[in-house]
C-alpha atoms as a PDB file:
ATOM      1  CA  MET A   1     -67.504  84.697  39.251  1.00  0.00           C
ATOM      2  CA  SER A   2     -65.837  82.144  36.946  1.00  0.00           C
ATOM      3  CA  ASP A   3     -62.052  82.035  36.609  1.00  0.00           C
ATOM      4  CA  ALA A   4     -62.215  83.540  33.118  1.00  0.00           C
ATOM      5  CA  ASN A   5     -64.199  86.535  34.404  1.00  0.00           C
ATOM      6  CA  ALA A   6     -62.281  87.006  37.673  1.00  0.00           C
ATOM      7  CA  ALA A   7     -60.480  90.300  38.124  1.00  0.00           C
ATOM      8  CA  LEU A   8     -56.731  90.111  37.615  1.00  0.00           C
ATOM      9  CA  VAL A   9     -54.463  91.620  40.293  1.00  0.00           C
ATOM     10  CA  LEU A  10     -50.754  92.404  39.953  1.00  0.00           C
ATOM     11  CA  VAL A  11     -48.844  91.990  43.224  1.00  0.00           C
ATOM     12  CA  VAL A  12     -45.321  93.419  43.315  1.00  0.00           C
ATOM     13  CA  ASP A  13     -43.331  92.891  46.496  1.00  0.00           C
ATOM     14  CA  ASP A  14     -39.818  91.593  47.125  1.00  0.00           C
ATOM     15  CA  ASP A  15     -40.931  89.922  50.381  1.00  0.00           C
ATOM     16  CA  VAL A  16     -42.001  86.350  49.529  1.00  0.00           C
ATOM     17  CA  PRO A  17     -44.081  85.807  52.708  1.00  0.00           C
ATOM     18  CA  ILE A  18     -46.087  88.955  51.926  1.00  0.00           C
ATOM     19  CA  ARG A  19     -46.759  87.721  48.381  1.00  0.00           C
ATOM     20  CA  ARG A  20     -47.870  84.324  49.744  1.00  0.00           C
ATOM     21  CA  PHE A  21     -50.199  86.045  52.226  1.00  0.00           C
ATOM     22  CA  LEU A  22     -51.723  88.240  49.524  1.00  0.00           C
ATOM     23  CA  ARG A  23     -52.070  85.303  47.129  1.00  0.00           C
ATOM     24  CA  ALA A  24     -53.952  83.221  49.710  1.00  0.00           C
ATOM     25  CA  GLY A  25     -56.364  86.026  50.550  1.00  0.00           C
ATOM     26  CA  LEU A  26     -56.978  87.258  47.028  1.00  0.00           C
ATOM     27  CA  GLU A  27     -57.390  83.812  45.471  1.00  0.00           C
ATOM     28  CA  SER A  28     -59.819  82.777  48.204  1.00  0.00           C
ATOM     29  CA  ALA A  29     -61.824  85.910  47.347  1.00  0.00           C
ATOM     30  CA  GLY A  30     -61.971  84.827  43.690  1.00  0.00           C
ATOM     31  CA  TYR A  31     -59.241  87.006  42.134  1.00  0.00           C
ATOM     32  CA  ARG A  32     -56.588  85.866  39.654  1.00  0.00           C
ATOM     33  CA  LEU A  33     -53.026  86.916  40.461  1.00  0.00           C
ATOM     34  CA  ILE A  34     -49.803  87.784  38.709  1.00  0.00           C
ATOM     35  CA  GLU A  35     -46.811  88.113  41.017  1.00  0.00           C
ATOM     36  CA  ALA A  36     -43.515  89.924  40.614  1.00  0.00           C
ATOM     37  CA  GLY A  37     -40.636  90.163  43.048  1.00  0.00           C
ATOM     38  CA  THR A  38     -39.631  93.621  41.870  1.00  0.00           C
ATOM     39  CA  ALA A  39     -41.044  96.306  39.633  1.00  0.00           C
ATOM     40  CA  PRO A  40     -39.449  96.575  36.223  1.00  0.00           C
ATOM     41  CA  THR A  41     -36.743  99.227  36.094  1.00  0.00           C
ATOM     42  CA  ARG A  42     -38.746 101.187  33.534  1.00  0.00           C
ATOM     43  CA  CYS A  43     -41.672 101.564  35.936  1.00  0.00           C
ATOM     44  CA  ALA A  44     -39.398 102.745  38.738  1.00  0.00           C
ATOM     45  CA  ARG A  45     -38.013 105.677  36.725  1.00  0.00           C
ATOM     46  CA  PRO A  46     -39.879 108.971  36.551  1.00  0.00           C
ATOM     47  CA  ARG A  47     -41.269 109.851  33.142  1.00  0.00           C
ATOM     48  CA  PRO A  48     -39.220 112.440  31.265  1.00  0.00           C
ATOM     49  CA  ASP A  49     -40.690 115.865  30.723  1.00  0.00           C
ATOM     50  CA  ARG A  50     -42.126 116.351  27.271  1.00  0.00           C
ATOM     51  CA  ARG A  51     -41.540 119.886  26.177  1.00  0.00           C
ATOM     52  CA  THR A  52     -42.483 121.301  22.811  1.00  0.00           C
END
């Protein structure tokens, strides 16, 4: 699989050693990675009920 066609994985973890471990394993398996130390606040909140 070429880099352009490699699956993209989002890793979100506030523990840097865990992110390094995941990066090493996933990149060696041919994945592309995006890392984040924390999830955006918007993603952490529950979605509001939509009532009509």
